[in-house]
Amino acid sequence: MNGLTRREREVLDFDTIKMILDKSKVVHIGMTDGDEPYVVPMNYGYCFVDDKLILYLHGAKRGKKLDIIRKNPKVFVEMECDIQPFEGDVACRYGISYLSLMGKGMAHIVEDVEEKQKALSVLMKTQTEKDFSFDEKMVSVVSVIRIDIAQYTAKFRPMPKKCEE
């Protein structure tokens, strides 16, 4: 059975979705480089604008990730938290409990200074729960990527209940 296709594990509660976004400090960004997949883990910040999920990332001013996004901005994201392995009486009963969020969207390289300042503040708030501000000089030395998430799902794989004999 594939846990990602089991609808009974789908999380629809908005507060739980926000909790996943708050607790998962790394997002895996899947991209396509020509006909090859490319995945990179990154810190992120998030916000909701008109009920739409937006992720912000930052990094170097140049590199493979930016080159790929310029050619093909379609991305897939995945993050997880509360990972807890569990054991069973036979091999197929071992597993991992987790919460996760996956989705697809479009990546945009942010050039606007004010949006970059906002994005970095959002990222730091997500990562540290503290407020930071950034001046124009600080944002000029990094790239910022905004991912507009078009569709996402959240899942919960619970710990199994102990079998009663």
C-alpha atoms as a PDB file:
ATOM      1  CA  MET A   1       0.000   0.000   0.000  1.00  0.00           C
ATOM      2  CA  ASN A   2       1.244   3.476  -0.803  1.00  0.00           C
ATOM      3  CA  GLY A   3       0.567   5.882   2.089  1.00  0.00           C
ATOM      4  CA  LEU A   4       0.347   8.843  -0.297  1.00  0.00           C
ATOM      5  CA  THR A   5      -2.721   7.482  -2.038  1.00  0.00           C
ATOM      6  CA  ARG A   6      -4.693   6.617   1.075  1.00  0.00           C
ATOM      7  CA  ARG A   7      -7.393   9.260   1.387  1.00  0.00           C
ATOM      8  CA  GLU A   8      -8.094   8.406   5.036  1.00  0.00           C
ATOM      9  CA  ARG A   9      -4.660   9.880   5.802  1.00  0.00           C
ATOM     10  CA  GLU A  10      -5.342  13.196   4.069  1.00  0.00           C
ATOM     11  CA  VAL A  11      -5.126  16.265   6.297  1.00  0.00           C
ATOM     12  CA  LEU A  12      -7.711  18.948   5.507  1.00  0.00           C
ATOM     13  CA  ASP A  13      -7.605  20.927   8.756  1.00  0.00           C
ATOM     14  CA  PHE A  14      -5.973  24.301   8.033  1.00  0.00           C
ATOM     15  CA  ASP A  15      -4.371  24.567  11.494  1.00  0.00           C
ATOM     16  CA  THR A  16      -2.704  21.181  11.024  1.00  0.00           C
ATOM     17  CA  ILE A  17      -1.474  22.221   7.580  1.00  0.00           C
ATOM     18  CA  LYS A  18       0.036  25.379   9.080  1.00  0.00           C
ATOM     19  CA  MET A  19       1.625  23.261  11.816  1.00  0.00           C
ATOM     20  CA  ILE A  20       3.288  21.083   9.141  1.00  0.00           C
ATOM     21  CA  LEU A  21       4.578  24.222   7.405  1.00  0.00           C
ATOM     22  CA  ASP A  22       5.895  25.590  10.713  1.00  0.00           C
ATOM     23  CA  LYS A  23       7.590  22.405  11.899  1.00  0.00           C
ATOM     24  CA  SER A  24       9.094  21.201   8.606  1.00  0.00           C
ATOM     25  CA  LYS A  25      12.224  23.320   8.302  1.00  0.00           C
ATOM     26  CA  VAL A  26      13.379  21.849   4.959  1.00  0.00           C
ATOM     27  CA  VAL A  27      11.483  21.630   1.691  1.00  0.00           C
ATOM     28  CA  HIS A  28      12.636  19.383  -1.153  1.00  0.00           C
ATOM     29  CA  ILE A  29      12.247  21.144  -4.500  1.00  0.00           C
ATOM     30  CA  GLY A  30      11.869  18.848  -7.498  1.00  0.00           C
ATOM     31  CA  MET A  31      12.694  20.326 -10.888  1.00  0.00           C
ATOM     32  CA  THR A  32      13.295  19.034 -14.403  1.00  0.00           C
ATOM     33  CA  ASP A  33      16.658  19.754 -16.030  1.00  0.00           C
ATOM     34  CA  GLY A  34      15.976  18.868 -19.651  1.00  0.00           C
ATOM     35  CA  ASP A  35      14.892  15.255 -19.323  1.00  0.00           C
ATOM     36  CA  GLU A  36      16.620  14.666 -15.974  1.00  0.00           C
ATOM     37  CA  PRO A  37      15.070  15.130 -12.515  1.00  0.00           C
ATOM     38  CA  TYR A  38      16.866  17.395 -10.053  1.00  0.00           C
ATOM     39  CA  VAL A  39      15.928  17.740  -6.369  1.00  0.00           C
ATOM     40  CA  VAL A  40      17.415  20.144  -3.863  1.00  0.00           C
ATOM     41  CA  PRO A  41      16.618  20.516  -0.131  1.00  0.00           C
ATOM     42  CA  MET A  42      16.225  24.108   1.068  1.00  0.00           C
ATOM     43  CA  ASN A  43      15.113  26.195   4.016  1.00  0.00           C
ATOM     44  CA  TYR A  44      11.949  28.118   3.262  1.00  0.00           C
ATOM     45  CA  GLY A  45       9.446  30.642   4.439  1.00  0.00           C
ATOM     46  CA  TYR A  46       5.742  30.534   3.723  1.00  0.00           C
ATOM     47  CA  CYS A  47       2.668  32.701   3.711  1.00  0.00           C
ATOM     48  CA  PHE A  48      -0.874  32.512   2.444  1.00  0.00           C
ATOM     49  CA  VAL A  49      -2.100  35.247   0.112  1.00  0.00           C
ATOM     50  CA  ASP A  50      -5.819  35.075  -0.729  1.00  0.00           C
ATOM     51  CA  ASP A  51      -5.822  31.454   0.527  1.00  0.00           C
ATOM     52  CA  LYS A  52      -2.983  30.557  -1.855  1.00  0.00           C
ATOM     53  CA  LEU A  53       0.184  29.014  -0.415  1.00  0.00           C
ATOM     54  CA  ILE A  54       3.428  30.774  -1.309  1.00  0.00           C
ATOM     55  CA  LEU A  55       6.904  29.495  -0.451  1.00  0.00           C
ATOM     56  CA  TYR A  56      10.013  31.683  -0.432  1.00  0.00           C
ATOM     57  CA  LEU A  57      13.555  30.361  -0.805  1.00  0.00           C
ATOM     58  CA  HIS A  58      16.907  32.100  -0.914  1.00  0.00           C
ATOM     59  CA  GLY A  59      20.338  31.196  -2.153  1.00  0.00           C
ATOM     60  CA  ALA A  60      23.302  32.221  -4.249  1.00  0.00           C
ATOM     61  CA  LYS A  61      22.900  34.707  -7.077  1.00  0.00           C
ATOM     62  CA  ARG A  62      23.787  32.036  -9.633  1.00  0.00           C
ATOM     63  CA  GLY A  63      23.805  28.291  -9.904  1.00  0.00           C
ATOM     64  CA  LYS A  64      22.162  25.198 -11.308  1.00  0.00           C
ATOM     65  CA  LYS A  65      18.836  25.680  -9.494  1.00  0.00           C
ATOM     66  CA  LEU A  66      18.336  29.158 -10.969  1.00  0.00           C
ATOM     67  CA  ASP A  67      19.396  27.983 -14.436  1.00  0.00           C
ATOM     68  CA  ILE A  68      16.821  25.181 -14.325  1.00  0.00           C
ATOM     69  CA  ILE A  69      14.035  27.476 -13.073  1.00  0.00           C
ATOM     70  CA  ARG A  70      14.714  29.952 -15.873  1.00  0.00           C
ATOM     71  CA  LYS A  71      14.241  27.148 -18.432  1.00  0.00           C
ATOM     72  CA  ASN A  72      11.351  25.356 -16.716  1.00  0.00           C
ATOM     73  CA  PRO A  73       9.655  27.020 -13.731  1.00  0.00           C
ATOM     74  CA  LYS A  74       7.389  24.038 -12.962  1.00  0.00           C
ATOM     75  CA  VAL A  75       8.346  22.538  -9.598  1.00  0.00           C
ATOM     76  CA  PHE A  76       7.158  19.945  -7.128  1.00  0.00           C
ATOM     77  CA  VAL A  77       7.672  20.404  -3.384  1.00  0.00           C
ATOM     78  CA  GLU A  78       7.716  17.990  -0.457  1.00  0.00           C
ATOM     79  CA  MET A  79       8.297  18.456   3.264  1.00  0.00           C
ATOM     80  CA  GLU A  80       7.782  16.328   6.351  1.00  0.00           C
ATOM     81  CA  CYS A  81       7.887  16.551  10.131  1.00  0.00           C
ATOM     82  CA  ASP A  82       7.306  14.500  13.278  1.00  0.00           C
ATOM     83  CA  ILE A  83       9.128  11.502  11.842  1.00  0.00           C
ATOM     84  CA  GLN A  84       8.958   8.501  14.188  1.00  0.00           C
ATOM     85  CA  PRO A  85      10.002   4.999  13.151  1.00  0.00           C
ATOM     86  CA  PHE A  86       8.020   2.107  14.593  1.00  0.00           C
ATOM     87  CA  GLU A  87       8.538  -1.631  14.781  1.00  0.00           C
ATOM     88  CA  GLY A  88       6.261  -4.553  14.171  1.00  0.00           C
ATOM     89  CA  ASP A  89       6.195  -8.271  14.763  1.00  0.00           C
ATOM     90  CA  VAL A  90       7.038  -8.932  11.079  1.00  0.00           C
ATOM     91  CA  ALA A  91       8.994  -6.925   8.515  1.00  0.00           C
ATOM     92  CA  CYS A  92       5.964  -5.497   6.725  1.00  0.00           C
ATOM     93  CA  ARG A  93       4.674  -3.980   9.979  1.00  0.00           C
ATOM     94  CA  TYR A  94       7.699  -1.720  10.419  1.00  0.00           C
ATOM     95  CA  GLY A  95       7.236   1.828   9.232  1.00  0.00           C
ATOM     96  CA  ILE A  96       7.421   5.520   9.960  1.00  0.00           C
ATOM     97  CA  SER A  97       4.828   7.875  11.381  1.00  0.00           C
ATOM     98  CA  TYR A  98       4.958  11.380   9.871  1.00  0.00           C
ATOM     99  CA  LEU A  99       3.103  14.448   8.701  1.00  0.00           C
ATOM    100  CA  SER A 100       3.863  15.689   5.187  1.00  0.00           C
ATOM    101  CA  LEU A 101       2.883  18.223   2.575  1.00  0.00           C
ATOM    102  CA  MET A 102       3.408  17.824  -1.173  1.00  0.00           C
ATOM    103  CA  GLY A 103       2.424  20.109  -3.998  1.00  0.00           C
ATOM    104  CA  LYS A 104       3.118  21.517  -7.393  1.00  0.00           C
ATOM    105  CA  GLY A 105       3.609  25.071  -8.466  1.00  0.00           C
ATOM    106  CA  MET A 106       5.502  27.645 -10.462  1.00  0.00           C
ATOM    107  CA  ALA A 107       8.828  29.097  -9.357  1.00  0.00           C
ATOM    108  CA  HIS A 108       9.658  32.749  -9.999  1.00  0.00           C
ATOM    109  CA  ILE A 109      12.989  34.472  -9.469  1.00  0.00           C
ATOM    110  CA  VAL A 110      12.170  37.614  -7.501  1.00  0.00           C
ATOM    111  CA  GLU A 111      13.884  40.798  -8.703  1.00  0.00           C
ATOM    112  CA  ASP A 112      11.787  43.446  -6.906  1.00  0.00           C
ATOM    113  CA  VAL A 113      13.722  44.740  -3.869  1.00  0.00           C
ATOM    114  CA  GLU A 114      10.626  45.195  -1.677  1.00  0.00           C
ATOM    115  CA  GLU A 115       9.357  41.687  -2.415  1.00  0.00           C
ATOM    116  CA  LYS A 116      12.833  40.273  -1.693  1.00  0.00           C
ATOM    117  CA  GLN A 117      12.862  42.104   1.657  1.00  0.00           C
ATOM    118  CA  LYS A 118       9.419  40.739   2.518  1.00  0.00           C
ATOM    119  CA  ALA A 119      10.389  37.239   1.358  1.00  0.00           C
ATOM    120  CA  LEU A 120      13.509  37.109   3.511  1.00  0.00           C
ATOM    121  CA  SER A 121      11.558  38.364   6.519  1.00  0.00           C
ATOM    122  CA  VAL A 122       8.931  35.643   5.949  1.00  0.00           C
ATOM    123  CA  LEU A 123      11.658  33.022   5.578  1.00  0.00           C
ATOM    124  CA  MET A 124      13.349  34.039   8.834  1.00  0.00           C
ATOM    125  CA  LYS A 125      10.019  34.128  10.680  1.00  0.00           C
ATOM    126  CA  THR A 126       9.246  30.581   9.516  1.00  0.00           C
ATOM    127  CA  GLN A 127      12.702  29.305  10.411  1.00  0.00           C
ATOM    128  CA  THR A 128      13.269  31.122  13.730  1.00  0.00           C
ATOM    129  CA  GLU A 129       9.879  32.504  14.852  1.00  0.00           C
ATOM    130  CA  LYS A 130      11.654  35.899  15.115  1.00  0.00           C
ATOM    131  CA  ASP A 131      11.149  39.099  13.153  1.00  0.00           C
ATOM    132  CA  PHE A 132      13.999  40.366  10.975  1.00  0.00           C
ATOM    133  CA  SER A 133      14.233  43.201   8.502  1.00  0.00           C
ATOM    134  CA  PHE A 134      16.534  43.488   5.518  1.00  0.00           C
ATOM    135  CA  ASP A 135      17.925  46.562   3.806  1.00  0.00           C
ATOM    136  CA  GLU A 136      18.501  46.930   0.072  1.00  0.00           C
ATOM    137  CA  LYS A 137      22.197  46.083   0.347  1.00  0.00           C
ATOM    138  CA  MET A 138      21.472  42.827   2.198  1.00  0.00           C
ATOM    139  CA  VAL A 139      18.958  41.615  -0.378  1.00  0.00           C
ATOM    140  CA  SER A 140      21.218  42.540  -3.294  1.00  0.00           C
ATOM    141  CA  VAL A 141      23.673  39.725  -2.494  1.00  0.00           C
ATOM    142  CA  VAL A 142      21.167  36.828  -2.583  1.00  0.00           C
ATOM    143  CA  SER A 143      18.641  35.408  -4.979  1.00  0.00           C
ATOM    144  CA  VAL A 144      15.079  34.895  -3.854  1.00  0.00           C
ATOM    145  CA  ILE A 145      12.694  32.380  -5.369  1.00  0.00           C
ATOM    146  CA  ARG A 146       8.929  32.535  -4.897  1.00  0.00           C
ATOM    147  CA  ILE A 147       6.957  29.363  -5.488  1.00  0.00           C
ATOM    148  CA  ASP A 148       3.261  29.867  -6.094  1.00  0.00           C
ATOM    149  CA  ILE A 149       1.739  26.560  -5.059  1.00  0.00           C
ATOM    150  CA  ALA A 150      -1.128  25.699  -7.398  1.00  0.00           C
ATOM    151  CA  GLN A 151      -2.197  22.528  -5.616  1.00  0.00           C
ATOM    152  CA  TYR A 152      -1.079  20.657  -2.510  1.00  0.00           C
ATOM    153  CA  THR A 153      -2.055  17.800  -0.242  1.00  0.00           C
ATOM    154  CA  ALA A 154      -1.124  17.129   3.361  1.00  0.00           C
ATOM    155  CA  LYS A 155      -0.970  13.671   4.910  1.00  0.00           C
ATOM    156  CA  PHE A 156      -0.684  12.064   8.328  1.00  0.00           C
ATOM    157  CA  ARG A 157       0.708   8.573   8.805  1.00  0.00           C
ATOM    158  CA  PRO A 158      -0.127   7.748  12.414  1.00  0.00           C
ATOM    159  CA  MET A 159       1.613   5.336  14.723  1.00  0.00           C
ATOM    160  CA  PRO A 160      -0.209   2.006  14.525  1.00  0.00           C
ATOM    161  CA  LYS A 161      -2.355   0.926  17.433  1.00  0.00           C
ATOM    162  CA  LYS A 162      -0.971  -2.016  19.352  1.00  0.00           C
ATOM    163  CA  CYS A 163      -2.712  -5.235  18.382  1.00  0.00           C
ATOM    164  CA  GLU A 164      -4.675  -6.816  21.173  1.00  0.00           C
ATOM    165  CA  GLU A 165      -4.282 -10.592  21.344  1.00  0.00           C
END
